[in-house]
């Protein structure tokens, strides 16, 4: 997964593919959003941002509460959908 994190466009493509796969499996928008939230939590804890876009997302994630983080996750899905 580290390779898709070095370029923001690659990360968006990776996320878009996962969102599409989830939809094809019949997952609800809420389930997909919850998974995006979990991915965001994992990245925040385990991965150092590799570019300025990821740094901005991490900074926003860090200052947000749980509801705001869920909104960020939903917005990321919209961005790649």
N, C-alpha and C. Protein backbone atom coordinates (compact mmCIF):
# COMPACT_ATOMS: atom_id res chain seq x y z
N UNK A 1 0.82 -1.19 0.00
CA UNK A 1 0.00 0.00 0.00
C UNK A 1 0.86 1.26 0.00
N UNK A 2 2.08 1.17 0.45
CA UNK A 2 2.94 2.34 0.54
C UNK A 2 3.14 2.99 -0.82
N UNK A 3 3.18 2.20 -1.90
CA UNK A 3 3.44 2.78 -3.21
C UNK A 3 2.32 3.72 -3.66
N UNK A 4 1.07 3.42 -3.36
CA UNK A 4 -0.02 4.31 -3.76
C UNK A 4 -0.05 5.58 -2.92
N UNK A 5 0.69 5.59 -1.83
CA UNK A 5 0.69 6.76 -0.96
C UNK A 5 1.71 7.81 -1.38
N UNK A 6 2.59 7.48 -2.30
CA UNK A 6 3.61 8.45 -2.69
C UNK A 6 3.07 9.49 -3.67
N UNK A 7 2.00 9.17 -4.37
CA UNK A 7 1.41 10.08 -5.34
C UNK A 7 -0.09 10.18 -5.06
N UNK A 8 -0.58 11.40 -4.87
CA UNK A 8 -1.98 11.58 -4.49
C UNK A 8 -2.93 11.07 -5.57
N UNK A 9 -2.59 11.24 -6.82
CA UNK A 9 -3.45 10.74 -7.90
C UNK A 9 -3.53 9.22 -7.86
N UNK A 10 -2.41 8.56 -7.56
CA UNK A 10 -2.43 7.10 -7.43
C UNK A 10 -3.32 6.69 -6.25
N UNK A 11 -3.24 7.46 -5.16
CA UNK A 11 -4.08 7.16 -3.98
C UNK A 11 -5.56 7.30 -4.33
N UNK A 12 -5.91 8.38 -5.06
CA UNK A 12 -7.31 8.57 -5.44
C UNK A 12 -7.79 7.43 -6.34
N UNK A 13 -6.93 7.01 -7.27
CA UNK A 13 -7.29 5.90 -8.16
C UNK A 13 -7.49 4.62 -7.36
N UNK A 14 -6.57 4.36 -6.42
CA UNK A 14 -6.67 3.18 -5.56
C UNK A 14 -7.99 3.20 -4.78
N UNK A 15 -8.31 4.35 -4.18
CA UNK A 15 -9.55 4.47 -3.41
C UNK A 15 -10.77 4.31 -4.31
N UNK A 16 -10.74 4.92 -5.49
CA UNK A 16 -11.85 4.81 -6.43
C UNK A 16 -12.11 3.36 -6.82
N UNK A 17 -11.04 2.61 -7.05
CA UNK A 17 -11.20 1.20 -7.40
C UNK A 17 -11.83 0.42 -6.26
N UNK A 18 -11.44 0.73 -5.02
CA UNK A 18 -12.00 0.03 -3.86
C UNK A 18 -13.46 0.40 -3.64
N UNK A 19 -13.80 1.65 -3.86
CA UNK A 19 -15.19 2.09 -3.73
C UNK A 19 -16.05 1.38 -4.78
N UNK A 20 -15.56 1.34 -6.01
CA UNK A 20 -16.30 0.67 -7.08
C UNK A 20 -16.48 -0.81 -6.78
N UNK A 21 -15.44 -1.43 -6.28
CA UNK A 21 -15.53 -2.86 -5.92
C UNK A 21 -16.57 -3.06 -4.82
N UNK A 22 -16.58 -2.20 -3.83
CA UNK A 22 -17.58 -2.29 -2.76
C UNK A 22 -18.99 -2.16 -3.29
N UNK A 23 -19.19 -1.22 -4.21
CA UNK A 23 -20.52 -1.04 -4.81
C UNK A 23 -20.93 -2.27 -5.60
N UNK A 24 -19.98 -2.83 -6.35
CA UNK A 24 -20.27 -4.04 -7.14
C UNK A 24 -20.61 -5.23 -6.26
N UNK A 25 -20.08 -5.23 -5.04
CA UNK A 25 -20.40 -6.30 -4.10
C UNK A 25 -21.72 -6.06 -3.38
N UNK A 26 -22.33 -4.90 -3.65
CA UNK A 26 -23.62 -4.58 -3.05
C UNK A 26 -23.52 -3.90 -1.69
N UNK A 27 -22.35 -3.38 -1.35
CA UNK A 27 -22.21 -2.69 -0.08
C UNK A 27 -22.95 -1.36 -0.12
N UNK A 28 -23.56 -0.98 0.98
CA UNK A 28 -24.28 0.29 1.05
C UNK A 28 -23.30 1.45 1.13
N UNK A 29 -23.79 2.64 0.81
CA UNK A 29 -22.97 3.84 0.92
C UNK A 29 -22.45 4.02 2.35
N UNK A 30 -23.30 3.71 3.31
CA UNK A 30 -22.90 3.83 4.72
C UNK A 30 -21.76 2.88 5.05
N UNK A 31 -21.85 1.65 4.57
CA UNK A 31 -20.78 0.67 4.81
C UNK A 31 -19.48 1.12 4.16
N UNK A 32 -19.57 1.62 2.95
CA UNK A 32 -18.38 2.11 2.25
C UNK A 32 -17.79 3.30 3.00
N UNK A 33 -18.64 4.21 3.47
CA UNK A 33 -18.16 5.36 4.24
C UNK A 33 -17.49 4.92 5.53
N UNK A 34 -18.08 3.93 6.19
CA UNK A 34 -17.48 3.41 7.42
C UNK A 34 -16.11 2.79 7.15
N UNK A 35 -15.99 2.10 6.03
CA UNK A 35 -14.70 1.51 5.68
C UNK A 35 -13.69 2.60 5.36
N UNK A 36 -14.11 3.67 4.69
CA UNK A 36 -13.20 4.78 4.40
C UNK A 36 -12.75 5.44 5.70
N UNK A 37 -13.65 5.54 6.67
CA UNK A 37 -13.30 6.09 7.98
C UNK A 37 -12.24 5.21 8.65
N UNK A 38 -12.43 3.91 8.59
CA UNK A 38 -11.46 2.98 9.19
C UNK A 38 -10.10 3.07 8.50
N UNK A 39 -10.11 3.21 7.18
CA UNK A 39 -8.85 3.37 6.45
C UNK A 39 -8.17 4.67 6.89
N UNK A 40 -8.96 5.73 7.01
CA UNK A 40 -8.40 7.01 7.46
C UNK A 40 -7.79 6.90 8.84
N UNK A 41 -8.46 6.19 9.73
CA UNK A 41 -7.93 6.00 11.08
C UNK A 41 -6.62 5.22 11.05
N UNK A 42 -6.58 4.18 10.23
CA UNK A 42 -5.36 3.39 10.10
C UNK A 42 -4.21 4.25 9.57
N UNK A 43 -4.48 4.99 8.50
CA UNK A 43 -3.44 5.82 7.89
C UNK A 43 -2.95 6.88 8.88
N UNK A 44 -3.87 7.45 9.63
CA UNK A 44 -3.50 8.48 10.60
C UNK A 44 -2.55 7.93 11.65
N UNK A 45 -2.78 6.71 12.06
CA UNK A 45 -1.97 6.09 13.11
C UNK A 45 -0.67 5.48 12.60
N UNK A 46 -0.66 4.96 11.40
CA UNK A 46 0.45 4.10 10.95
C UNK A 46 1.30 4.65 9.81
N UNK A 47 0.81 5.65 9.09
CA UNK A 47 1.50 6.06 7.87
C UNK A 47 1.83 7.55 7.93
N UNK A 48 3.09 7.86 7.67
CA UNK A 48 3.51 9.25 7.58
C UNK A 48 3.14 9.77 6.19
N UNK A 49 2.49 10.93 6.11
CA UNK A 49 2.11 11.47 4.80
C UNK A 49 3.31 11.62 3.88
N UNK A 50 3.10 11.25 2.62
CA UNK A 50 4.19 11.26 1.63
C UNK A 50 4.16 12.47 0.72
N UNK A 51 3.09 13.27 0.77
CA UNK A 51 3.01 14.45 -0.09
C UNK A 51 2.15 15.50 0.61
N UNK A 52 2.09 16.70 0.03
CA UNK A 52 1.40 17.79 0.72
C UNK A 52 -0.11 17.58 0.80
N UNK A 53 -0.72 16.89 -0.16
CA UNK A 53 -2.15 16.61 -0.07
C UNK A 53 -2.44 15.68 1.11
N UNK A 54 -1.64 14.64 1.25
CA UNK A 54 -1.82 13.72 2.37
C UNK A 54 -1.55 14.43 3.70
N UNK A 55 -0.58 15.34 3.73
CA UNK A 55 -0.28 16.09 4.94
C UNK A 55 -1.50 16.94 5.34
N UNK A 56 -2.12 17.60 4.36
CA UNK A 56 -3.31 18.39 4.64
C UNK A 56 -4.44 17.51 5.18
N UNK A 57 -4.68 16.37 4.53
CA UNK A 57 -5.73 15.47 5.01
C UNK A 57 -5.43 14.99 6.43
N UNK A 58 -4.18 14.65 6.71
CA UNK A 58 -3.82 14.22 8.05
C UNK A 58 -4.03 15.33 9.07
N UNK A 59 -3.62 16.55 8.71
CA UNK A 59 -3.81 17.68 9.63
C UNK A 59 -5.30 17.91 9.91
N UNK A 60 -6.14 17.84 8.87
CA UNK A 60 -7.58 17.98 9.07
C UNK A 60 -8.13 16.84 9.92
N UNK A 61 -7.67 15.62 9.64
CA UNK A 61 -8.11 14.44 10.40
C UNK A 61 -7.74 14.61 11.87
N UNK A 62 -6.52 15.09 12.13
CA UNK A 62 -6.02 15.24 13.49
C UNK A 62 -6.84 16.23 14.31
N UNK A 63 -7.31 17.31 13.68
CA UNK A 63 -8.06 18.32 14.44
C UNK A 63 -9.55 18.03 14.49
N UNK A 64 -10.01 17.09 13.66
CA UNK A 64 -11.44 16.78 13.62
C UNK A 64 -11.86 15.82 14.71
N UNK A 65 -13.13 15.96 15.11
CA UNK A 65 -13.71 14.97 16.02
C UNK A 65 -14.23 13.81 15.17
N UNK A 66 -14.84 12.81 15.79
CA UNK A 66 -15.29 11.63 15.05
C UNK A 66 -16.28 11.96 13.94
N UNK A 67 -17.22 12.85 14.20
CA UNK A 67 -18.20 13.22 13.17
C UNK A 67 -17.52 13.94 12.01
N UNK A 68 -16.59 14.82 12.31
CA UNK A 68 -15.87 15.53 11.25
C UNK A 68 -15.00 14.56 10.44
N UNK A 69 -14.41 13.59 11.11
CA UNK A 69 -13.63 12.58 10.40
C UNK A 69 -14.50 11.75 9.49
N UNK A 70 -15.71 11.43 9.94
CA UNK A 70 -16.65 10.70 9.08
C UNK A 70 -17.00 11.54 7.85
N UNK A 71 -17.13 12.84 8.05
CA UNK A 71 -17.41 13.73 6.92
C UNK A 71 -16.25 13.75 5.95
N UNK A 72 -15.02 13.80 6.45
CA UNK A 72 -13.84 13.75 5.59
C UNK A 72 -13.84 12.46 4.78
N UNK A 73 -14.15 11.34 5.43
CA UNK A 73 -14.19 10.05 4.74
C UNK A 73 -15.24 10.07 3.63
N UNK A 74 -16.42 10.61 3.92
CA UNK A 74 -17.48 10.69 2.91
C UNK A 74 -17.07 11.59 1.75
N UNK A 75 -16.39 12.70 2.07
CA UNK A 75 -15.94 13.60 1.02
C UNK A 75 -14.88 12.96 0.15
N UNK A 76 -14.00 12.17 0.73
CA UNK A 76 -13.00 11.46 -0.06
C UNK A 76 -13.68 10.50 -1.03
N UNK A 77 -14.74 9.84 -0.57
CA UNK A 77 -15.47 8.93 -1.46
C UNK A 77 -16.10 9.72 -2.60
N UNK A 78 -16.71 10.86 -2.29
CA UNK A 78 -17.29 11.69 -3.34
C UNK A 78 -16.24 12.17 -4.33
N UNK A 79 -15.06 12.49 -3.81
CA UNK A 79 -13.97 12.97 -4.65
C UNK A 79 -13.58 11.94 -5.71
N UNK A 80 -13.62 10.67 -5.34
CA UNK A 80 -13.17 9.63 -6.27
C UNK A 80 -14.30 8.92 -6.98
N UNK A 81 -15.52 9.23 -6.61
CA UNK A 81 -16.68 8.54 -7.19
C UNK A 81 -17.07 9.12 -8.53
